[in-house]
Amino acid sequence: MLFKNKFNFITILWVLILLFSTTISYSLSEQFKGKIYKTGMLKPIDSVIKLKVGDEAPDFTLPSVSGEKISLGQFRCKKNVVISFVPAAWTPVCSDQWPGYNIAKDFFDKHDAILIGITVDNIPTLYSWTSEMGTLWFPVLSDFWPHGAVAERYGVLRSDGVSERALFVIDKKGIIRYIDVHDINQRPKLEVLVKELEKLAD
């Protein structure tokens, strides 16, 4: 009982830290807000999801900003995986969302999880954007060519050719445990992702 109470306290503490981090991540984008393209309000969701919780996550191999090619399959039986699809580089919400994950790295490590960021932008664009944002601890992959092929397989490619703002939590067996196809105009809440990672330990 003591261990359980301590565990719950630690979880609550993490949630409070992540809630506080919202203001921190927004301040990061202030450093280059003059370069950010203002998209205006977009249709919240513009795709039809092709997968459901309990399905095996489709494998893929994509180039990363670091120069290496990364496959989902390389983490099978080794890591839980969170895939974060975001619509486009140099846009307001995306430029807040990904830096916000930096504060959660220890929590990912605690749950033996890796985060993978994916957009349909090409590598030079992603390199420029992520360099301006500062260090991100997770790999950033380009789904540029064939354009949006991975987003299409996951059912999150919008009609205008960008991906939805979507999260997929995948366990070590390669099974999808959580899906959030989010309103493209809003950043997903970190505390919700924290709770989903906690469930992987059950």
N, C-alpha and C. Protein backbone atom coordinates (compact mmCIF):
# COMPACT_ATOMS: atom_id res chain seq x y z
N MET A 1 0.83 -1.20 0.00
CA MET A 1 0.00 0.00 0.00
C MET A 1 0.86 1.25 0.00
N LEU A 2 1.94 1.22 0.81
CA LEU A 2 2.85 2.36 0.87
C LEU A 2 3.49 2.61 -0.48
N PHE A 3 3.90 1.51 -1.14
CA PHE A 3 4.52 1.64 -2.46
C PHE A 3 3.54 2.22 -3.47
N LYS A 4 2.28 1.75 -3.41
CA LYS A 4 1.27 2.23 -4.34
C LYS A 4 1.01 3.72 -4.14
N ASN A 5 0.92 4.16 -2.87
CA ASN A 5 0.68 5.57 -2.59
C ASN A 5 1.84 6.43 -3.07
N LYS A 6 3.06 5.91 -2.87
CA LYS A 6 4.24 6.64 -3.33
C LYS A 6 4.24 6.75 -4.84
N PHE A 7 3.86 5.65 -5.52
CA PHE A 7 3.81 5.64 -6.98
C PHE A 7 2.79 6.65 -7.49
N ASN A 8 1.61 6.70 -6.84
CA ASN A 8 0.57 7.64 -7.24
C ASN A 8 1.02 9.08 -7.02
N PHE A 9 1.74 9.32 -5.92
CA PHE A 9 2.25 10.66 -5.64
C PHE A 9 3.22 11.11 -6.73
N ILE A 10 4.10 10.20 -7.14
CA ILE A 10 5.08 10.53 -8.19
C ILE A 10 4.36 10.84 -9.50
N THR A 11 3.33 10.06 -9.81
CA THR A 11 2.56 10.29 -11.03
C THR A 11 1.89 11.66 -11.01
N ILE A 12 1.26 12.00 -9.87
CA ILE A 12 0.60 13.30 -9.73
C ILE A 12 1.62 14.43 -9.86
N LEU A 13 2.79 14.23 -9.27
CA LEU A 13 3.84 15.25 -9.36
C LEU A 13 4.25 15.48 -10.80
N TRP A 14 4.39 14.39 -11.56
CA TRP A 14 4.74 14.51 -12.97
C TRP A 14 3.67 15.27 -13.75
N VAL A 15 2.42 14.98 -13.47
CA VAL A 15 1.33 15.66 -14.16
C VAL A 15 1.38 17.16 -13.89
N LEU A 16 1.64 17.54 -12.63
CA LEU A 16 1.73 18.95 -12.28
C LEU A 16 2.89 19.62 -13.01
N ILE A 17 4.02 18.92 -13.09
CA ILE A 17 5.18 19.47 -13.80
C ILE A 17 4.86 19.67 -15.27
N LEU A 18 4.18 18.70 -15.87
CA LEU A 18 3.86 18.79 -17.29
C LEU A 18 2.83 19.88 -17.56
N LEU A 19 1.90 20.07 -16.63
CA LEU A 19 0.95 21.17 -16.78
C LEU A 19 1.68 22.51 -16.75
N PHE A 20 2.65 22.63 -15.85
CA PHE A 20 3.43 23.86 -15.75
C PHE A 20 4.28 24.08 -16.98
N SER A 21 4.67 22.98 -17.64
CA SER A 21 5.57 23.08 -18.79
C SER A 21 4.91 23.76 -19.98
N THR A 22 3.58 23.86 -19.99
CA THR A 22 2.88 24.51 -21.10
C THR A 22 3.42 25.91 -21.34
N THR A 23 3.61 26.68 -20.26
CA THR A 23 4.11 28.05 -20.42
C THR A 23 5.55 28.05 -20.86
N ILE A 24 6.33 27.04 -20.45
CA ILE A 24 7.73 26.96 -20.84
C ILE A 24 7.86 26.73 -22.33
N SER A 25 7.09 25.77 -22.87
CA SER A 25 7.21 25.44 -24.28
C SER A 25 6.76 26.60 -25.16
N TYR A 26 5.73 27.34 -24.72
CA TYR A 26 5.31 28.48 -25.51
C TYR A 26 6.40 29.54 -25.56
N SER A 27 7.16 29.70 -24.49
CA SER A 27 8.22 30.69 -24.48
C SER A 27 9.33 30.32 -25.45
N LEU A 28 9.52 29.03 -25.72
CA LEU A 28 10.53 28.60 -26.67
C LEU A 28 10.22 29.14 -28.06
N SER A 29 8.96 29.07 -28.48
CA SER A 29 8.61 29.51 -29.81
C SER A 29 8.69 31.03 -29.96
N GLU A 30 8.68 31.75 -28.84
CA GLU A 30 8.80 33.21 -28.89
C GLU A 30 10.12 33.64 -29.51
N GLN A 31 11.15 32.81 -29.38
CA GLN A 31 12.48 33.14 -29.88
C GLN A 31 12.52 33.29 -31.40
N PHE A 32 11.62 32.62 -32.07
CA PHE A 32 11.62 32.73 -33.54
C PHE A 32 10.21 32.89 -34.10
N LYS A 33 9.33 33.52 -33.31
CA LYS A 33 7.93 33.66 -33.73
C LYS A 33 7.78 34.47 -35.01
N GLY A 34 8.75 35.35 -35.28
CA GLY A 34 8.68 36.14 -36.51
C GLY A 34 8.83 35.30 -37.76
N LYS A 35 9.38 34.09 -37.62
CA LYS A 35 9.59 33.21 -38.77
C LYS A 35 8.46 32.19 -38.93
N ILE A 36 7.54 32.17 -37.99
CA ILE A 36 6.47 31.18 -38.00
C ILE A 36 5.34 31.61 -38.93
N TYR A 37 4.90 30.67 -39.77
CA TYR A 37 3.79 30.94 -40.68
C TYR A 37 2.47 30.80 -39.93
N LYS A 38 1.65 31.83 -39.99
CA LYS A 38 0.36 31.81 -39.29
C LYS A 38 -0.67 31.12 -40.18
N THR A 39 -1.12 29.96 -39.75
CA THR A 39 -2.02 29.16 -40.57
C THR A 39 -3.47 29.60 -40.49
N GLY A 40 -3.84 30.30 -39.42
CA GLY A 40 -5.25 30.58 -39.20
C GLY A 40 -5.95 29.32 -38.72
N MET A 41 -7.25 29.40 -38.53
CA MET A 41 -8.02 28.24 -38.07
C MET A 41 -8.24 27.27 -39.23
N LEU A 42 -7.97 26.00 -38.97
CA LEU A 42 -8.12 24.97 -39.99
C LEU A 42 -9.23 23.99 -39.59
N LYS A 43 -9.70 23.22 -40.56
CA LYS A 43 -10.67 22.17 -40.26
C LYS A 43 -10.05 21.24 -39.23
N PRO A 44 -10.70 21.04 -38.08
CA PRO A 44 -10.07 20.30 -36.97
C PRO A 44 -9.53 18.93 -37.35
N ILE A 45 -10.32 18.14 -38.07
CA ILE A 45 -9.89 16.81 -38.51
C ILE A 45 -10.36 16.62 -39.95
N ASP A 46 -9.46 16.11 -40.80
CA ASP A 46 -9.77 16.01 -42.23
C ASP A 46 -9.23 14.70 -42.79
N SER A 47 -9.53 13.61 -42.12
CA SER A 47 -9.07 12.29 -42.57
C SER A 47 -9.96 11.23 -41.94
N VAL A 48 -9.79 10.00 -42.41
CA VAL A 48 -10.53 8.87 -41.86
C VAL A 48 -9.52 7.87 -41.33
N ILE A 49 -9.51 7.67 -40.02
CA ILE A 49 -8.54 6.78 -39.39
C ILE A 49 -8.70 5.36 -39.93
N LYS A 50 -7.58 4.70 -40.19
CA LYS A 50 -7.60 3.35 -40.76
C LYS A 50 -7.24 2.27 -39.74
N LEU A 51 -6.84 2.70 -38.56
CA LEU A 51 -6.39 1.76 -37.54
C LEU A 51 -7.21 1.94 -36.27
N LYS A 52 -7.16 0.94 -35.42
CA LYS A 52 -7.85 1.03 -34.13
C LYS A 52 -6.97 0.43 -33.05
N VAL A 53 -7.29 0.74 -31.81
CA VAL A 53 -6.56 0.17 -30.68
C VAL A 53 -6.67 -1.35 -30.74
N GLY A 54 -5.54 -2.02 -30.58
CA GLY A 54 -5.50 -3.48 -30.67
C GLY A 54 -4.91 -3.97 -31.98
N ASP A 55 -4.85 -3.09 -33.00
CA ASP A 55 -4.24 -3.45 -34.27
C ASP A 55 -2.71 -3.45 -34.15
N GLU A 56 -2.08 -4.22 -35.02
CA GLU A 56 -0.62 -4.14 -35.12
C GLU A 56 -0.26 -2.88 -35.89
N ALA A 57 0.69 -2.12 -35.37
CA ALA A 57 1.09 -0.88 -36.02
C ALA A 57 1.85 -1.18 -37.31
N PRO A 58 1.48 -0.57 -38.43
CA PRO A 58 2.21 -0.79 -39.68
C PRO A 58 3.67 -0.36 -39.55
N ASP A 59 4.56 -1.20 -40.04
CA ASP A 59 5.98 -0.87 -39.99
C ASP A 59 6.29 0.17 -41.07
N PHE A 60 7.38 0.87 -40.88
CA PHE A 60 7.83 1.86 -41.86
C PHE A 60 9.31 2.12 -41.65
N THR A 61 9.93 2.65 -42.67
CA THR A 61 11.31 3.13 -42.59
C THR A 61 11.36 4.50 -43.24
N LEU A 62 11.86 5.49 -42.50
CA LEU A 62 11.91 6.86 -43.00
C LEU A 62 13.27 7.49 -42.69
N PRO A 63 13.69 8.46 -43.51
CA PRO A 63 14.93 9.19 -43.21
C PRO A 63 14.72 10.17 -42.06
N SER A 64 15.76 10.37 -41.28
CA SER A 64 15.69 11.30 -40.16
C SER A 64 16.57 12.51 -40.40
N VAL A 65 16.33 13.54 -39.62
CA VAL A 65 17.13 14.77 -39.71
C VAL A 65 18.60 14.49 -39.42
N SER A 66 18.87 13.49 -38.57
CA SER A 66 20.25 13.16 -38.21
C SER A 66 21.00 12.45 -39.33
N GLY A 67 20.28 12.01 -40.37
CA GLY A 67 20.93 11.37 -41.51
C GLY A 67 20.73 9.87 -41.58
N GLU A 68 20.30 9.26 -40.48
CA GLU A 68 20.08 7.81 -40.50
C GLU A 68 18.63 7.49 -40.84
N LYS A 69 18.41 6.26 -41.31
CA LYS A 69 17.06 5.80 -41.56
C LYS A 69 16.58 5.04 -40.33
N ILE A 70 15.34 5.30 -39.94
CA ILE A 70 14.79 4.71 -38.73
C ILE A 70 13.52 3.95 -39.08
N SER A 71 13.43 2.73 -38.54
CA SER A 71 12.26 1.88 -38.75
C SER A 71 11.52 1.69 -37.44
N LEU A 72 10.21 1.60 -37.53
CA LEU A 72 9.43 1.28 -36.34
C LEU A 72 9.84 -0.09 -35.82
N GLY A 73 10.08 -1.03 -36.74
CA GLY A 73 10.39 -2.40 -36.36
C GLY A 73 11.65 -2.57 -35.54
N GLN A 74 12.56 -1.60 -35.61
CA GLN A 74 13.81 -1.74 -34.86
C GLN A 74 13.60 -1.64 -33.36
N PHE A 75 12.42 -1.15 -32.95
CA PHE A 75 12.13 -1.03 -31.52
C PHE A 75 11.29 -2.18 -30.99
N ARG A 76 10.89 -3.10 -31.88
CA ARG A 76 10.05 -4.23 -31.48
C ARG A 76 10.75 -5.06 -30.40
N CYS A 77 10.04 -5.36 -29.34
CA CYS A 77 10.54 -6.13 -28.20
C CYS A 77 11.59 -5.37 -27.38
N LYS A 78 11.84 -4.11 -27.72
CA LYS A 78 12.86 -3.33 -27.02
C LYS A 78 12.28 -2.10 -26.33
N LYS A 79 11.40 -1.39 -27.03
CA LYS A 79 10.88 -0.12 -26.52
C LYS A 79 9.39 0.01 -26.80
N ASN A 80 8.68 0.66 -25.89
CA ASN A 80 7.37 1.19 -26.23
C ASN A 80 7.61 2.41 -27.10
N VAL A 81 6.70 2.68 -28.01
CA VAL A 81 6.90 3.76 -28.98
C VAL A 81 5.69 4.70 -28.98
N VAL A 82 5.98 5.99 -28.98
CA VAL A 82 4.95 7.00 -29.21
C VAL A 82 5.28 7.69 -30.53
N ILE A 83 4.37 7.60 -31.49
CA ILE A 83 4.53 8.30 -32.76
C ILE A 83 3.74 9.60 -32.68
N SER A 84 4.43 10.70 -32.95
CA SER A 84 3.78 12.01 -32.97
C SER A 84 3.81 12.54 -34.40
N PHE A 85 2.65 12.47 -35.07
CA PHE A 85 2.51 13.12 -36.38
C PHE A 85 2.14 14.58 -36.14
N VAL A 86 2.83 15.49 -36.80
CA VAL A 86 2.42 16.90 -36.79
C VAL A 86 2.31 17.38 -38.23
N PRO A 87 1.46 18.38 -38.47
CA PRO A 87 1.16 18.78 -39.85
C PRO A 87 2.33 19.37 -40.64
N ALA A 88 3.02 20.35 -40.06
CA ALA A 88 4.01 21.05 -40.87
C ALA A 88 5.00 21.82 -40.02
N ALA A 89 6.23 21.89 -40.53
CA ALA A 89 7.26 22.72 -39.91
C ALA A 89 6.89 24.19 -40.01
N TRP A 90 7.47 24.98 -39.13
CA TRP A 90 7.33 26.44 -39.16
C TRP A 90 5.89 26.90 -38.99
N THR A 91 5.11 26.14 -38.23
CA THR A 91 3.74 26.55 -37.92
C THR A 91 3.59 26.64 -36.40
N PRO A 92 2.63 27.44 -35.91
CA PRO A 92 2.60 27.79 -34.49
C PRO A 92 2.46 26.62 -33.52
N VAL A 93 1.44 25.79 -33.69
CA VAL A 93 1.18 24.74 -32.71
C VAL A 93 2.28 23.68 -32.73
N CYS A 94 2.73 23.32 -33.92
CA CYS A 94 3.81 22.32 -34.04
C CYS A 94 5.08 22.82 -33.36
N SER A 95 5.35 24.11 -33.48
CA SER A 95 6.56 24.69 -32.91
C SER A 95 6.49 24.80 -31.40
N ASP A 96 5.30 24.64 -30.83
CA ASP A 96 5.14 24.56 -29.38
C ASP A 96 5.12 23.11 -28.90
N GLN A 97 4.47 22.26 -29.68
CA GLN A 97 4.24 20.88 -29.23
C GLN A 97 5.53 20.10 -29.03
N TRP A 98 6.38 20.06 -30.04
CA TRP A 98 7.56 19.20 -29.93
C TRP A 98 8.56 19.65 -28.88
N PRO A 99 8.89 20.94 -28.76
CA PRO A 99 9.77 21.34 -27.66
C PRO A 99 9.18 21.01 -26.29
N GLY A 100 7.85 20.97 -26.20
CA GLY A 100 7.21 20.64 -24.93
C GLY A 100 7.50 19.23 -24.46
N TYR A 101 7.89 18.34 -25.38
CA TYR A 101 8.21 16.97 -24.99
C TYR A 101 9.58 16.86 -24.33
N ASN A 102 10.40 17.89 -24.46
CA ASN A 102 11.73 17.82 -23.85
C ASN A 102 11.67 17.63 -22.34
N ILE A 103 10.71 18.28 -21.71
CA ILE A 103 10.61 18.19 -20.26
C ILE A 103 10.14 16.80 -19.80
N ALA A 104 9.57 16.03 -20.74
CA ALA A 104 9.03 14.71 -20.39
C ALA A 104 9.98 13.56 -20.69
N LYS A 105 11.21 13.84 -21.10
CA LYS A 105 12.13 12.77 -21.49
C LYS A 105 12.33 11.75 -20.38
N ASP A 106 12.52 12.21 -19.15
CA ASP A 106 12.73 11.28 -18.04
C ASP A 106 11.53 10.36 -17.85
N PHE A 107 10.35 10.88 -18.11
CA PHE A 107 9.15 10.06 -17.97
C PHE A 107 9.10 8.98 -19.05
N PHE A 108 9.50 9.35 -20.28
CA PHE A 108 9.60 8.35 -21.34
C PHE A 108 10.62 7.28 -20.97
N ASP A 109 11.77 7.71 -20.46
CA ASP A 109 12.81 6.76 -20.06
C ASP A 109 12.30 5.82 -18.98
N LYS A 110 11.57 6.37 -18.03
CA LYS A 110 11.04 5.57 -16.93
C LYS A 110 10.14 4.45 -17.43
N HIS A 111 9.41 4.72 -18.51
CA HIS A 111 8.48 3.73 -19.05
C HIS A 111 9.04 3.03 -20.29
N ASP A 112 10.37 3.11 -20.44
CA ASP A 112 11.05 2.39 -21.51
C ASP A 112 10.41 2.71 -22.86
N ALA A 113 10.20 4.00 -23.10
CA ALA A 113 9.50 4.44 -24.31
C ALA A 113 10.36 5.42 -25.11
N ILE A 114 10.18 5.38 -26.41
CA ILE A 114 10.85 6.30 -27.32
C ILE A 114 9.77 7.10 -28.05
N LEU A 115 10.05 8.36 -28.30
CA LEU A 115 9.15 9.21 -29.08
C LEU A 115 9.72 9.36 -30.49
N ILE A 116 8.86 9.25 -31.49
CA ILE A 116 9.26 9.46 -32.88
C ILE A 116 8.38 10.55 -33.46
N GLY A 117 9.00 11.61 -33.97
CA GLY A 117 8.26 12.70 -34.59
C GLY A 117 8.27 12.54 -36.11
N ILE A 118 7.11 12.73 -36.73
CA ILE A 118 6.98 12.58 -38.18
C ILE A 118 6.19 13.74 -38.77
N THR A 119 6.71 14.31 -39.87
CA THR A 119 5.94 15.27 -40.68
C THR A 119 6.15 14.92 -42.15
N VAL A 120 5.37 15.55 -43.02
CA VAL A 120 5.52 15.32 -44.46
C VAL A 120 6.52 16.29 -45.09
N ASP A 121 7.18 17.11 -44.27
CA ASP A 121 8.18 18.05 -44.79
C ASP A 121 9.44 17.31 -45.24
N ASN A 122 10.21 17.95 -46.14
CA ASN A 122 11.46 17.33 -46.56
C ASN A 122 12.56 17.57 -45.52
N ILE A 123 13.66 16.86 -45.67
CA ILE A 123 14.74 16.90 -44.67
C ILE A 123 15.34 18.31 -44.51
N PRO A 124 15.66 19.03 -45.59
CA PRO A 124 16.22 20.38 -45.40
C PRO A 124 15.30 21.30 -44.59
N THR A 125 14.00 21.22 -44.85
CA THR A 125 13.04 22.04 -44.11
C THR A 125 13.03 21.65 -42.64
N LEU A 126 13.01 20.35 -42.38
CA LEU A 126 13.00 19.87 -40.99
C LEU A 126 14.29 20.22 -40.26
N TYR A 127 15.40 20.13 -40.97
CA TYR A 127 16.69 20.47 -40.36
C TYR A 127 16.71 21.94 -39.94
N SER A 128 16.27 22.80 -40.83
CA SER A 128 16.25 24.24 -40.54
C SER A 128 15.33 24.54 -39.36
N TRP A 129 14.15 23.95 -39.38
CA TRP A 129 13.14 24.20 -38.34
C TRP A 129 13.59 23.69 -36.97
N THR A 130 14.03 22.44 -36.92
CA THR A 130 14.41 21.87 -35.62
C THR A 130 15.68 22.51 -35.08
N SER A 131 16.58 22.95 -35.96
CA SER A 131 17.78 23.65 -35.50
C SER A 131 17.41 24.97 -34.84
N GLU A 132 16.41 25.63 -35.40
CA GLU A 132 15.96 26.91 -34.85
C GLU A 132 15.26 26.71 -33.51
N MET A 133 14.53 25.61 -33.36
CA MET A 133 13.82 25.34 -32.11
C MET A 133 14.77 24.99 -30.98
N GLY A 134 15.91 24.42 -31.32
CA GLY A 134 16.83 23.94 -30.30
C GLY A 134 16.80 22.42 -30.24
N THR A 135 17.56 21.86 -29.32
CA THR A 135 17.72 20.42 -29.25
C THR A 135 16.41 19.70 -28.92
N LEU A 136 16.10 18.68 -29.71
CA LEU A 136 15.02 17.76 -29.41
C LEU A 136 15.65 16.40 -29.13
N TRP A 137 15.21 15.72 -28.10
CA TRP A 137 15.86 14.47 -27.70
C TRP A 137 15.41 13.28 -28.54
N PHE A 138 14.37 13.45 -29.34
CA PHE A 138 13.81 12.33 -30.09
C PHE A 138 14.08 12.49 -31.59
N PRO A 139 14.07 11.37 -32.34
CA PRO A 139 14.31 11.47 -33.78
C PRO A 139 13.14 12.12 -34.51
N VAL A 140 13.47 12.93 -35.50
CA VAL A 140 12.48 13.60 -36.34
C VAL A 140 12.60 13.03 -37.75
N LEU A 141 11.51 12.46 -38.26
CA LEU A 141 11.53 11.75 -39.53
C LEU A 141 10.72 12.48 -40.60
N SER A 142 11.15 12.29 -41.85
CA SER A 142 10.49 12.92 -42.99
C SER A 142 9.67 11.91 -43.77
N ASP A 143 8.37 12.18 -43.87
CA ASP A 143 7.44 11.36 -44.65
C ASP A 143 7.15 12.06 -45.98
N PHE A 144 8.21 12.67 -46.53
CA PHE A 144 8.06 13.53 -47.70
C PHE A 144 7.84 12.75 -48.99
N TRP A 145 8.60 11.63 -49.15
CA TRP A 145 8.48 10.90 -50.41
C TRP A 145 8.63 9.40 -50.19
N PRO A 146 7.74 8.58 -50.76
CA PRO A 146 6.49 8.98 -51.42
C PRO A 146 5.66 9.85 -50.47
N HIS A 147 5.13 10.93 -50.98
CA HIS A 147 4.59 11.96 -50.12
C HIS A 147 3.47 11.45 -49.21
N GLY A 148 3.72 11.55 -47.89
CA GLY A 148 2.72 11.20 -46.90
C GLY A 148 2.34 9.73 -46.88
N ALA A 149 3.23 8.86 -47.37
CA ALA A 149 2.88 7.44 -47.47
C ALA A 149 2.60 6.80 -46.11
N VAL A 150 3.41 7.16 -45.11
CA VAL A 150 3.20 6.59 -43.77
C VAL A 150 1.94 7.17 -43.14
N ALA A 151 1.77 8.47 -43.26
CA ALA A 151 0.55 9.10 -42.75
C ALA A 151 -0.69 8.48 -43.39
N GLU A 152 -0.61 8.20 -44.68
CA GLU A 152 -1.72 7.57 -45.39
C GLU A 152 -2.01 6.18 -44.84
N ARG A 153 -0.96 5.39 -44.57
CA ARG A 153 -1.16 4.04 -44.04
C ARG A 153 -1.80 4.07 -42.66
N TYR A 154 -1.49 5.11 -41.90
CA TYR A 154 -2.07 5.24 -40.56
C TYR A 154 -3.42 5.95 -40.58
N GLY A 155 -3.83 6.43 -41.76
CA GLY A 155 -5.14 7.08 -41.88
C GLY A 155 -5.17 8.49 -41.35
N VAL A 156 -4.02 9.18 -41.39
CA VAL A 156 -3.97 10.54 -40.85
C VAL A 156 -3.45 11.55 -41.87
N LEU A 157 -3.57 11.23 -43.17
CA LEU A 157 -3.18 12.19 -44.20
C LEU A 157 -4.39 13.01 -44.59
N ARG A 158 -4.28 14.32 -44.45
CA ARG A 158 -5.38 15.22 -44.77
C ARG A 158 -5.47 15.47 -46.27
N SER A 159 -6.59 16.02 -46.70
CA SER A 159 -6.83 16.24 -48.13
C SER A 159 -5.89 17.28 -48.73
N ASP A 160 -5.29 18.13 -47.88
CA ASP A 160 -4.36 19.14 -48.40
C ASP A 160 -2.92 18.64 -48.42
N GLY A 161 -2.70 17.36 -48.07
CA GLY A 161 -1.37 16.78 -48.20
C GLY A 161 -0.51 16.81 -46.96
N VAL A 162 -1.00 17.40 -45.86
CA VAL A 162 -0.26 17.35 -44.60
C VAL A 162 -0.91 16.31 -43.70
N SER A 163 -0.21 15.94 -42.64
CA SER A 163 -0.78 14.94 -41.74
C SER A 163 -1.64 15.62 -40.67
N GLU A 164 -2.46 14.82 -40.04
CA GLU A 164 -3.18 15.28 -38.86
C GLU A 164 -2.18 15.49 -37.73
N ARG A 165 -2.65 16.13 -36.68
CA ARG A 165 -1.89 16.16 -35.42
C ARG A 165 -2.36 14.93 -34.64
N ALA A 166 -1.53 13.90 -34.63
CA ALA A 166 -1.99 12.61 -34.11
C ALA A 166 -0.91 11.93 -33.28
N LEU A 167 -1.36 11.18 -32.29
CA LEU A 167 -0.48 10.40 -31.43
C LEU A 167 -0.90 8.93 -31.46
N PHE A 168 0.09 8.06 -31.60
CA PHE A 168 -0.13 6.61 -31.52
C PHE A 168 0.82 6.06 -30.46
N VAL A 169 0.28 5.40 -29.46
CA VAL A 169 1.10 4.73 -28.45
C VAL A 169 1.13 3.24 -28.79
N ILE A 170 2.34 2.72 -28.95
CA ILE A 170 2.53 1.34 -29.41
C ILE A 170 3.38 0.59 -28.40
N ASP A 171 2.94 -0.59 -27.99
CA ASP A 171 3.70 -1.33 -26.98
C ASP A 171 4.85 -2.10 -27.61
N LYS A 172 5.61 -2.79 -26.78
CA LYS A 172 6.81 -3.48 -27.26
C LYS A 172 6.50 -4.62 -28.22
N LYS A 173 5.26 -5.09 -28.21
CA LYS A 173 4.86 -6.15 -29.13
C LYS A 173 4.41 -5.59 -30.48
N GLY A 174 4.41 -4.26 -30.59
CA GLY A 174 4.00 -3.63 -31.84
C GLY A 174 2.51 -3.41 -31.95
N ILE A 175 1.80 -3.50 -30.82
CA ILE A 175 0.34 -3.34 -30.81
C ILE A 175 -0.03 -1.92 -30.40
N ILE A 176 -0.96 -1.33 -31.13
CA ILE A 176 -1.42 0.02 -30.82
C ILE A 176 -2.27 -0.01 -29.55
N ARG A 177 -1.87 0.80 -28.58
CA ARG A 177 -2.58 0.84 -27.30
C ARG A 177 -3.39 2.12 -27.10
N TYR A 178 -3.11 3.14 -27.90
CA TYR A 178 -3.82 4.42 -27.74
C TYR A 178 -3.69 5.21 -29.04
N ILE A 179 -4.78 5.87 -29.43
CA ILE A 179 -4.79 6.74 -30.62
C ILE A 179 -5.46 8.05 -30.26
N ASP A 180 -4.83 9.14 -30.64
CA ASP A 180 -5.45 10.46 -30.49
C ASP A 180 -5.25 11.23 -31.78
N VAL A 181 -6.31 11.29 -32.60
CA VAL A 181 -6.29 12.18 -33.77
C VAL A 181 -6.89 13.48 -33.27
N HIS A 182 -6.02 14.45 -33.06
CA HIS A 182 -6.37 15.65 -32.30
C HIS A 182 -6.83 16.77 -33.23
N ASP A 183 -7.56 17.71 -32.66
CA ASP A 183 -7.89 18.95 -33.37
C ASP A 183 -6.57 19.57 -33.82
N ILE A 184 -6.41 19.78 -35.12
CA ILE A 184 -5.15 20.27 -35.67
C ILE A 184 -4.77 21.65 -35.13
N ASN A 185 -5.75 22.39 -34.63
CA ASN A 185 -5.51 23.74 -34.13
C ASN A 185 -5.05 23.77 -32.67
N GLN A 186 -5.00 22.61 -32.02
CA GLN A 186 -4.68 22.56 -30.59
C GLN A 186 -3.57 21.55 -30.31
N ARG A 187 -2.79 21.83 -29.30
CA ARG A 187 -1.73 20.92 -28.89
C ARG A 187 -2.29 19.87 -27.95
N PRO A 188 -2.00 18.58 -28.18
CA PRO A 188 -2.45 17.54 -27.24
C PRO A 188 -1.86 17.77 -25.85
N LYS A 189 -2.64 17.45 -24.83
CA LYS A 189 -2.18 17.66 -23.46
C LYS A 189 -1.18 16.58 -23.06
N LEU A 190 -0.06 17.01 -22.52
CA LEU A 190 0.97 16.08 -22.09
C LEU A 190 0.49 15.14 -21.00
N GLU A 191 -0.36 15.64 -20.11
CA GLU A 191 -0.78 14.80 -18.99
C GLU A 191 -1.60 13.60 -19.46
N VAL A 192 -2.30 13.74 -20.59
CA VAL A 192 -3.05 12.60 -21.14
C VAL A 192 -2.08 11.53 -21.64
N LEU A 193 -1.03 11.96 -22.32
CA LEU A 193 -0.02 11.02 -22.80
C LEU A 193 0.68 10.33 -21.63
N VAL A 194 0.93 11.08 -20.57
CA VAL A 194 1.54 10.50 -19.37
C VAL A 194 0.70 9.35 -18.84
N LYS A 195 -0.60 9.55 -18.76
CA LYS A 195 -1.50 8.51 -18.24
C LYS A 195 -1.49 7.27 -19.14
N GLU A 196 -1.40 7.49 -20.46
CA GLU A 196 -1.38 6.35 -21.37
C GLU A 196 -0.08 5.56 -21.24
N LEU A 197 1.02 6.25 -21.03
CA LEU A 197 2.29 5.55 -20.81
C LEU A 197 2.26 4.78 -19.50
N GLU A 198 1.60 5.34 -18.50
CA GLU A 198 1.46 4.63 -17.22
C GLU A 198 0.75 3.29 -17.41
N LYS A 199 -0.24 3.27 -18.31
CA LYS A 199 -1.02 2.05 -18.52
C LYS A 199 -0.17 0.91 -19.09
N LEU A 200 0.91 1.25 -19.78
CA LEU A 200 1.76 0.21 -20.37
C LEU A 200 2.47 -0.60 -19.30
N ALA A 201 2.53 -0.05 -18.09
CA ALA A 201 3.19 -0.76 -16.99
C ALA A 201 2.23 -1.70 -16.27
N ASP A 202 0.92 -1.61 -16.60
CA ASP A 202 -0.08 -2.45 -15.92
C ASP A 202 0.07 -3.92 -16.28
